[in-house]
Amino acid sequence: MRNIFIIGSKGIPSKYGGFETFVDKLTEYKMSKEIKYHVACLGNNEQEFEYNDARCFNIKVPQMGSARAILYDLKALNKVYNYIKQNSVENPIVYILACRIGPFIKIYQKKFNELGVPILLNPDGHEWKRAKWSAPVRAYWKLSERMMIKYTDLAICDSKAIQQYIIEDYVKYQPQTTFIAYGATVSEPHTRDHQLYCEWLEKWSVSANNYYLIVGRFVPENNYELMIKEFMASDTKKSLIIVTNVENNKFYIDLKKKTGFEKDPRIKFVGTIYNQELLYEVRINAFGYLHGHEVGGTNPSLLEALATTPLNLLLDVAFNKEVGGDAGLYFKKENNSLSDLISLADVLTTKDIQKKEFMAKKRIHDEYSWDIIVKKYETIFLGV
């Protein structure tokens, strides 16, 4: 029996972002009876519970700003180490998601190596490039990434571009790496609530197949300013629906000043959609999806877009081209690049759009389905 201890997500059942959904699907789609998952969960107690046949253990961490995530990982590692040692766990593997605890990892590597426990890492994306972090925090992220690569046994990258970056930037450490993508699902939800979608359309004064869509975190590196300015410069009659955790914060205020988007009735910030059935309807009935992410590896929101939205207009960076391939239409960070692409998209024939949609869904089915992703992970886990 292989015992896989997963640290770094907020836990399951998934209520948050990409890592949480990944762990949820990894346990839900488990194929091998020779694998037992143990998942650290951020909680307000220290209880244990079962979910998707995984042993889930809560880690209670006080509110303390951005340092909370670091303390959470460290407490989880301590708990895992003690559990493995006290219970003489057979064939354990520690899998850490993200590079938050680099300055401390050498200590843990020594402790786990003494028990014969390999440490695997998912390095995520270029967290040290994110504009939301101050210069000192970005420096910490970069240092932490370097230490995590140096002192872990295998980096499982969810992007070929990230894998290549790690191999080249940290060549002196001769890192062991492999590539396994993030996953997505083409199939529709078990239930559909079309009436709810109709009410949503009426609320925002839009009609099906007559809007472009953006879904993503409300952060500068997702290029909201660029996409909004370019959309405003286009002559499309369609709306732009922006599904994001928008708050009346400095970024929002600056965005309003720089773009004046509130004067364009086509642009509608609709907040976050937590109802997955409604979000599915919003996605499949959009005319096109705009994706401006430029930091990180395989982005879950892009995979969901390819699985659901007929037409996908993507920022021309290595991560997006790797995922989108020929199924995407690409724009650059240049004046009129996206606005011209929107004008082109507006006049595509139904046949052209259907061809792009088929290519996108086939790409998800062939390269990114959860069955394929989980099988690759289990091959790694059982092989280690």
Protein backbone atom coordinates (compact mmCIF):
# COMPACT_ATOMS: atom_id res chain seq x y z
CA MET A 1 0.00 0.00 0.00
CA ARG A 2 1.25 3.46 -0.93
CA ASN A 3 0.33 6.21 1.56
CA ILE A 4 0.32 9.62 -0.12
CA PHE A 5 0.33 12.65 2.19
CA ILE A 6 -0.81 15.82 0.39
CA ILE A 7 0.11 19.20 1.86
CA GLY A 8 -0.48 22.71 0.53
CA SER A 9 -4.13 22.82 -0.54
CA LYS A 10 -6.78 24.28 1.73
CA GLY A 11 -8.33 20.83 1.69
CA ILE A 12 -11.33 18.88 0.49
CA PRO A 13 -14.23 18.93 -0.23
CA SER A 14 -13.12 21.63 -2.65
CA LYS A 15 -14.44 25.13 -1.89
CA TYR A 16 -11.59 27.23 -3.16
CA GLY A 17 -9.21 27.22 -6.10
CA GLY A 18 -7.10 25.09 -8.39
CA PHE A 19 -5.14 23.00 -5.91
CA GLU A 20 -8.27 22.19 -3.94
CA THR A 21 -10.11 21.04 -7.07
CA PHE A 22 -7.05 19.01 -8.08
CA VAL A 23 -6.95 17.14 -4.76
CA ASP A 24 -10.71 16.64 -4.90
CA LYS A 25 -10.48 15.07 -8.37
CA LEU A 26 -7.32 13.09 -7.57
CA THR A 27 -9.18 11.36 -4.75
CA GLU A 28 -12.54 11.11 -6.55
CA TYR A 29 -11.05 9.47 -9.67
CA LYS A 30 -8.67 7.16 -7.80
CA MET A 31 -8.19 3.90 -9.69
CA SER A 32 -5.61 1.90 -7.74
CA LYS A 33 -6.57 0.04 -4.56
CA GLU A 34 -2.87 0.20 -3.63
CA ILE A 35 -3.07 3.92 -2.86
CA LYS A 36 -4.34 5.63 0.29
CA TYR A 37 -4.50 9.42 0.37
CA HIS A 38 -4.01 11.55 3.50
CA VAL A 39 -5.00 15.18 2.90
CA ALA A 40 -4.15 18.18 5.08
CA CYS A 41 -7.12 20.57 5.41
CA LEU A 42 -7.20 24.11 6.77
CA GLY A 43 -9.76 24.00 9.59
CA ASN A 44 -10.90 25.53 12.86
CA ASN A 45 -10.23 22.29 14.78
CA GLU A 46 -7.85 19.30 14.73
CA GLN A 47 -10.39 16.63 13.79
CA GLU A 48 -10.11 13.89 11.16
CA PHE A 49 -12.72 12.74 8.64
CA GLU A 50 -13.07 10.61 5.50
CA TYR A 51 -13.85 12.04 2.07
CA ASN A 52 -13.51 10.27 -1.30
CA ASP A 53 -11.95 7.37 0.66
CA ALA A 54 -9.16 9.74 1.74
CA ARG A 55 -8.14 10.33 5.34
CA CYS A 56 -8.47 14.09 5.85
CA PHE A 57 -6.90 15.79 8.86
CA ASN A 58 -7.59 19.37 9.88
CA ILE A 59 -4.84 21.83 10.75
CA LYS A 60 -5.86 24.77 12.92
CA VAL A 61 -3.87 27.94 12.17
CA PRO A 62 -4.49 31.43 13.58
CA GLN A 63 -5.24 34.37 11.31
CA MET A 64 -1.92 36.11 10.66
CA GLY A 65 -1.96 37.50 7.12
CA SER A 66 0.08 35.99 4.29
CA ALA A 67 2.35 34.15 6.78
CA ARG A 68 -0.62 31.95 7.71
CA ALA A 69 -0.10 29.75 4.64
CA ILE A 70 3.54 29.16 5.59
CA LEU A 71 2.64 28.19 9.15
CA TYR A 72 -0.14 25.95 7.81
CA ASP A 73 2.30 23.99 5.65
CA LEU A 74 4.83 23.68 8.47
CA LYS A 75 2.25 22.47 10.98
CA ALA A 76 0.94 19.99 8.42
CA LEU A 77 4.46 18.67 7.74
CA ASN A 78 5.07 18.22 11.47
CA LYS A 79 1.80 16.36 11.84
CA VAL A 80 2.58 14.11 8.87
CA TYR A 81 6.09 13.34 10.15
CA ASN A 82 4.80 12.38 13.60
CA TYR A 83 1.96 10.30 12.12
CA ILE A 84 4.30 8.34 9.83
CA LYS A 85 6.83 7.74 12.62
CA GLN A 86 4.35 6.82 15.35
CA ASN A 87 2.28 4.52 13.14
CA SER A 88 5.17 2.97 11.18
CA VAL A 89 3.31 3.88 7.97
CA GLU A 90 4.33 1.72 5.02
CA ASN A 91 5.54 3.19 1.73
CA PRO A 92 4.77 6.86 2.52
CA ILE A 93 5.24 9.76 0.10
CA VAL A 94 4.89 13.45 0.95
CA TYR A 95 3.51 15.60 -1.89
CA ILE A 96 3.78 19.37 -1.29
CA LEU A 97 1.73 21.79 -3.40
CA ALA A 98 3.45 25.17 -4.03
CA CYS A 99 6.80 26.57 -2.91
CA ARG A 100 5.91 28.37 0.31
CA ILE A 101 8.31 26.84 2.82
CA GLY A 102 11.66 26.78 1.04
CA PRO A 103 13.74 28.26 3.89
CA PHE A 104 12.63 25.38 6.13
CA ILE A 105 12.57 22.47 3.70
CA LYS A 106 16.18 21.29 4.25
CA ILE A 107 15.33 20.46 7.87
CA TYR A 108 12.28 18.41 6.86
CA GLN A 109 14.08 16.70 4.00
CA LYS A 110 16.67 15.39 6.47
CA LYS A 111 13.98 14.18 8.89
CA PHE A 112 11.90 12.47 6.20
CA ASN A 113 14.95 10.96 4.50
CA GLU A 114 15.87 9.29 7.79
CA LEU A 115 12.47 7.58 7.61
CA GLY A 116 12.98 6.73 3.93
CA VAL A 117 10.19 9.08 2.85
CA PRO A 118 10.56 10.86 -0.52
CA ILE A 119 9.29 14.44 -0.86
CA LEU A 120 7.56 15.37 -4.11
CA LEU A 121 6.69 18.93 -5.12
CA ASN A 122 4.25 20.71 -7.38
CA PRO A 123 6.05 24.06 -7.94
CA ASP A 124 2.90 25.75 -9.30
CA GLY A 125 3.58 28.86 -11.42
CA HIS A 126 5.72 31.98 -11.15
CA GLU A 127 4.33 33.17 -7.84
CA TRP A 128 7.33 35.49 -7.43
CA LYS A 129 6.17 37.44 -10.50
CA ARG A 130 2.74 38.34 -9.16
CA ALA A 131 2.20 42.10 -8.98
CA LYS A 132 0.18 41.86 -5.76
CA TRP A 133 3.33 41.05 -3.79
CA SER A 134 5.76 43.68 -2.54
CA ALA A 135 9.41 43.43 -3.60
CA PRO A 136 10.51 41.72 -0.32
CA VAL A 137 7.70 39.14 -0.60
CA ARG A 138 8.57 38.44 -4.25
CA ALA A 139 12.19 37.93 -3.18
CA TYR A 140 11.01 35.45 -0.53
CA TRP A 141 8.94 33.54 -3.10
CA LYS A 142 11.93 33.26 -5.46
CA LEU A 143 14.25 32.10 -2.65
CA SER A 144 11.63 29.66 -1.43
CA GLU A 145 11.18 28.21 -4.92
CA ARG A 146 14.95 27.71 -5.26
CA MET A 147 15.20 25.91 -1.94
CA MET A 148 12.17 23.72 -2.66
CA ILE A 149 13.66 22.61 -5.98
CA LYS A 150 17.03 21.93 -4.33
CA TYR A 151 15.73 19.86 -1.42
CA THR A 152 12.88 17.82 -2.87
CA ASP A 153 13.17 14.54 -4.75
CA LEU A 154 10.88 15.18 -7.71
CA ALA A 155 9.09 18.23 -9.13
CA ILE A 156 5.78 17.37 -10.82
CA CYS A 157 5.06 20.34 -13.10
CA ASP A 158 1.59 21.01 -14.47
CA SER A 159 3.06 22.92 -17.42
CA LYS A 160 5.81 21.98 -19.86
CA ALA A 161 6.93 25.61 -19.86
CA ILE A 162 7.30 25.55 -16.06
CA GLN A 163 9.20 22.27 -16.28
CA GLN A 164 11.61 23.73 -18.82
CA TYR A 165 12.08 26.85 -16.68
CA ILE A 166 12.98 24.75 -13.63
CA ILE A 167 15.43 22.59 -15.58
CA GLU A 168 17.19 25.63 -17.04
CA ASP A 169 17.12 28.02 -14.06
CA TYR A 170 18.15 25.43 -11.50
CA VAL A 171 20.48 23.35 -13.63
CA LYS A 172 23.16 23.35 -10.90
CA TYR A 173 20.84 21.31 -8.68
CA GLN A 174 20.12 18.80 -11.48
CA PRO A 175 16.45 18.67 -10.49
CA GLN A 176 14.38 15.59 -11.19
CA THR A 177 11.21 16.72 -12.99
CA THR A 178 8.22 15.30 -14.78
CA PHE A 179 5.15 16.81 -16.45
CA ILE A 180 1.56 16.03 -15.52
CA ALA A 181 -1.04 18.60 -16.51
CA TYR A 182 -3.98 19.89 -14.53
CA GLY A 183 -7.32 18.36 -15.48
CA ALA A 184 -10.75 19.43 -16.70
CA THR A 185 -14.13 17.89 -17.44
CA VAL A 186 -16.00 18.18 -20.75
CA SER A 187 -19.19 16.52 -19.51
CA GLU A 188 -22.06 18.67 -18.27
CA PRO A 189 -23.31 18.69 -14.66
CA HIS A 190 -25.68 15.96 -13.53
CA THR A 191 -28.46 18.55 -13.27
CA ARG A 192 -29.15 21.72 -15.23
CA ASP A 193 -31.13 24.76 -14.05
CA HIS A 194 -31.98 26.65 -17.24
CA GLN A 195 -34.53 28.82 -15.46
CA LEU A 196 -31.85 30.12 -13.13
CA TYR A 197 -29.72 31.04 -16.15
CA CYS A 198 -32.65 32.86 -17.79
CA GLU A 199 -33.12 34.89 -14.62
CA TRP A 200 -29.40 35.68 -14.60
CA LEU A 201 -29.58 36.88 -18.23
CA GLU A 202 -32.49 39.15 -17.38
CA LYS A 203 -30.71 40.52 -14.31
CA TRP A 204 -27.68 41.61 -16.36
CA SER A 205 -29.59 42.60 -19.52
CA VAL A 206 -27.73 40.20 -21.81
CA SER A 207 -28.75 37.39 -24.12
CA ALA A 208 -27.27 33.97 -24.73
CA ASN A 209 -24.45 33.73 -27.31
CA ASN A 210 -24.18 37.52 -27.31
CA TYR A 211 -21.45 38.14 -24.77
CA TYR A 212 -17.75 37.61 -24.27
CA LEU A 213 -16.72 36.16 -20.93
CA ILE A 214 -13.81 36.53 -18.50
CA VAL A 215 -13.50 34.26 -15.45
CA GLY A 216 -10.53 34.64 -13.12
CA ARG A 217 -8.98 36.13 -10.03
CA PHE A 218 -9.10 39.91 -9.88
CA VAL A 219 -5.35 40.59 -9.99
CA PRO A 220 -3.23 42.82 -12.29
CA GLU A 221 -1.23 39.97 -13.88
CA ASN A 222 -4.45 38.63 -15.41
CA ASN A 223 -4.42 41.75 -17.61
CA TYR A 224 -7.88 43.13 -16.90
CA GLU A 225 -6.77 46.63 -17.90
CA LEU A 226 -5.51 45.43 -21.28
CA MET A 227 -8.61 43.36 -22.08
CA ILE A 228 -11.07 46.04 -20.96
CA LYS A 229 -9.30 48.80 -22.92
CA GLU A 230 -9.13 46.65 -26.03
CA PHE A 231 -12.75 45.58 -25.70
CA MET A 232 -13.82 49.22 -25.36
CA ALA A 233 -11.80 50.05 -28.48
CA SER A 234 -13.59 47.36 -30.48
CA ASP A 235 -16.84 47.98 -32.31
CA THR A 236 -18.49 44.74 -31.16
CA LYS A 237 -22.15 44.95 -30.19
CA LYS A 238 -21.74 42.12 -27.74
CA SER A 239 -21.35 42.53 -23.97
CA LEU A 240 -18.32 41.68 -21.84
CA ILE A 241 -19.27 39.66 -18.76
CA ILE A 242 -16.55 39.62 -16.08
CA VAL A 243 -16.94 36.91 -13.43
CA THR A 244 -14.46 37.68 -10.67
CA ASN A 245 -14.10 38.37 -6.98
CA VAL A 246 -14.22 42.12 -7.60
CA GLU A 247 -13.95 44.34 -4.56
CA ASN A 248 -13.97 48.10 -4.26
CA ASN A 249 -10.21 48.02 -3.62
CA LYS A 250 -7.24 50.00 -4.96
CA PHE A 251 -6.90 47.82 -8.06
CA TYR A 252 -10.59 48.29 -8.91
CA ILE A 253 -10.43 52.05 -8.34
CA ASP A 254 -7.27 52.39 -10.44
CA LEU A 255 -8.81 50.25 -13.18
CA LYS A 256 -11.86 52.49 -13.27
CA LYS A 257 -9.67 55.62 -13.54
CA LYS A 258 -7.47 54.15 -16.29
CA THR A 259 -10.23 52.67 -18.44
CA GLY A 260 -13.50 54.47 -17.60
CA PHE A 261 -15.24 51.12 -18.07
CA GLU A 262 -18.29 52.27 -16.09
CA LYS A 263 -19.19 54.53 -19.04
CA ASP A 264 -19.41 51.58 -21.43
CA PRO A 265 -22.75 49.77 -20.96
CA ARG A 266 -21.35 46.67 -22.66
CA ILE A 267 -19.01 45.94 -19.73
CA LYS A 268 -20.56 44.19 -16.74
CA PHE A 269 -18.77 43.08 -13.57
CA VAL A 270 -21.10 40.38 -12.19
CA GLY A 271 -19.10 39.19 -9.17
CA THR A 272 -18.23 35.57 -8.40
CA ILE A 273 -20.66 32.80 -9.41
CA TYR A 274 -20.52 30.08 -6.76
CA ASN A 275 -23.37 28.01 -8.21
CA GLN A 276 -21.54 25.58 -10.51
CA GLU A 277 -24.63 24.78 -12.56
CA LEU A 278 -25.15 28.47 -13.30
CA LEU A 279 -21.47 29.01 -14.10
CA TYR A 280 -21.62 26.09 -16.53
CA GLU A 281 -24.61 27.68 -18.29
CA VAL A 282 -22.82 31.04 -18.41
CA ARG A 283 -19.78 29.39 -19.97
CA ILE A 284 -21.46 27.22 -22.61
CA ASN A 285 -23.75 30.05 -23.76
CA ALA A 286 -20.99 32.65 -24.10
CA PHE A 287 -20.00 33.64 -27.63
CA GLY A 288 -16.33 33.74 -26.69
CA TYR A 289 -13.92 33.63 -23.77
CA LEU A 290 -11.10 36.14 -23.14
CA HIS A 291 -8.07 34.85 -21.22
CA GLY A 292 -5.34 37.28 -20.15
CA HIS A 293 -3.45 35.20 -17.58
CA GLU A 294 0.32 35.41 -18.05
CA VAL A 295 1.72 34.08 -14.76
CA GLY A 296 1.71 30.41 -13.81
CA GLY A 297 1.36 27.07 -15.45
CA THR A 298 -1.74 25.28 -16.68
CA ASN A 299 -4.60 27.53 -15.60
CA PRO A 300 -7.78 25.72 -14.47
CA SER A 301 -10.02 28.54 -15.73
CA LEU A 302 -8.57 28.16 -19.24
CA LEU A 303 -9.16 24.41 -19.22
CA GLU A 304 -12.78 24.96 -18.18
CA ALA A 305 -13.17 27.51 -20.97
CA LEU A 306 -11.81 25.12 -23.60
CA ALA A 307 -14.15 22.43 -22.28
CA THR A 308 -17.24 24.63 -22.49
CA THR A 309 -16.98 27.88 -24.48
CA PRO A 310 -17.05 27.65 -28.30
CA LEU A 311 -14.45 30.36 -29.03
CA ASN A 312 -11.37 31.19 -26.95
CA LEU A 313 -9.26 34.34 -27.35
CA LEU A 314 -6.02 33.88 -25.41
CA LEU A 315 -3.03 36.03 -24.52
CA ASP A 316 -0.06 34.87 -26.57
CA VAL A 317 2.25 33.46 -23.87
CA ALA A 318 3.89 30.04 -23.63
CA PHE A 319 1.54 28.70 -20.92
CA ASN A 320 -1.63 29.53 -22.86
CA LYS A 321 -0.32 28.31 -26.23
CA GLU A 322 0.75 25.05 -24.62
CA VAL A 323 -2.80 24.45 -23.40
CA GLY A 324 -4.82 26.03 -26.20
CA GLY A 325 -2.82 24.85 -29.19
CA ASP A 326 -4.61 25.32 -32.51
CA ALA A 327 -7.97 25.54 -30.71
CA GLY A 328 -7.27 29.11 -29.55
CA LEU A 329 -7.11 32.51 -31.21
CA TYR A 330 -4.21 34.57 -29.85
CA PHE A 331 -3.63 38.25 -29.09
CA LYS A 332 -0.55 40.14 -27.95
CA LYS A 333 -0.01 42.92 -25.43
CA GLU A 334 -0.01 45.50 -28.19
CA ASN A 335 -2.47 48.24 -29.11
CA ASN A 336 -5.34 46.95 -31.27
CA SER A 337 -4.21 43.32 -31.16
CA LEU A 338 -7.17 42.12 -29.09
CA SER A 339 -9.66 44.65 -30.48
CA ASP A 340 -8.81 43.49 -34.02
CA LEU A 341 -9.15 39.86 -32.92
CA ILE A 342 -12.60 40.57 -31.44
CA SER A 343 -13.65 42.12 -34.75
CA LEU A 344 -12.39 39.02 -36.54
CA ALA A 345 -14.18 36.70 -34.10
CA ASP A 346 -17.46 38.57 -34.56
CA VAL A 347 -17.58 37.73 -38.28
CA LEU A 348 -16.49 34.10 -38.10
CA THR A 349 -18.93 31.69 -39.69
CA THR A 350 -20.85 29.15 -37.64
CA LYS A 351 -18.77 26.44 -39.30
CA ASP A 352 -15.51 28.15 -38.29
CA ILE A 353 -16.66 28.47 -34.66
CA GLN A 354 -17.85 24.88 -34.53
CA LYS A 355 -14.46 23.74 -35.83
CA LYS A 356 -12.66 25.64 -33.04
CA GLU A 357 -15.09 24.27 -30.46
CA PHE A 358 -14.52 20.69 -31.64
CA MET A 359 -10.74 21.15 -31.51
CA ALA A 360 -10.92 22.60 -27.99
CA LYS A 361 -13.06 19.82 -26.56
CA LYS A 362 -11.00 17.14 -28.28
CA ARG A 363 -7.88 18.69 -26.78
CA ILE A 364 -9.39 18.54 -23.29
CA HIS A 365 -10.60 14.97 -23.82
CA ASP A 366 -7.27 13.73 -25.22
CA GLU A 367 -4.81 15.64 -23.02
CA TYR A 368 -6.52 16.98 -19.90
CA SER A 369 -9.32 14.68 -18.81
CA TRP A 370 -9.17 13.74 -15.12
CA ASP A 371 -9.02 10.02 -15.97
CA ILE A 372 -5.79 10.59 -17.87
CA ILE A 373 -4.30 12.94 -15.26
CA VAL A 374 -5.08 10.65 -12.32
CA LYS A 375 -3.68 7.61 -14.12
CA LYS A 376 -0.39 9.47 -14.69
CA TYR A 377 -0.22 10.49 -11.02
CA GLU A 378 -0.87 6.97 -9.81
CA THR A 379 1.87 5.66 -12.10
CA ILE A 380 4.30 8.13 -10.48
CA PHE A 381 3.15 7.38 -6.94
CA LEU A 382 3.31 3.61 -7.37
CA GLY A 383 6.65 3.85 -9.18
CA VAL A 384 8.39 6.01 -6.58
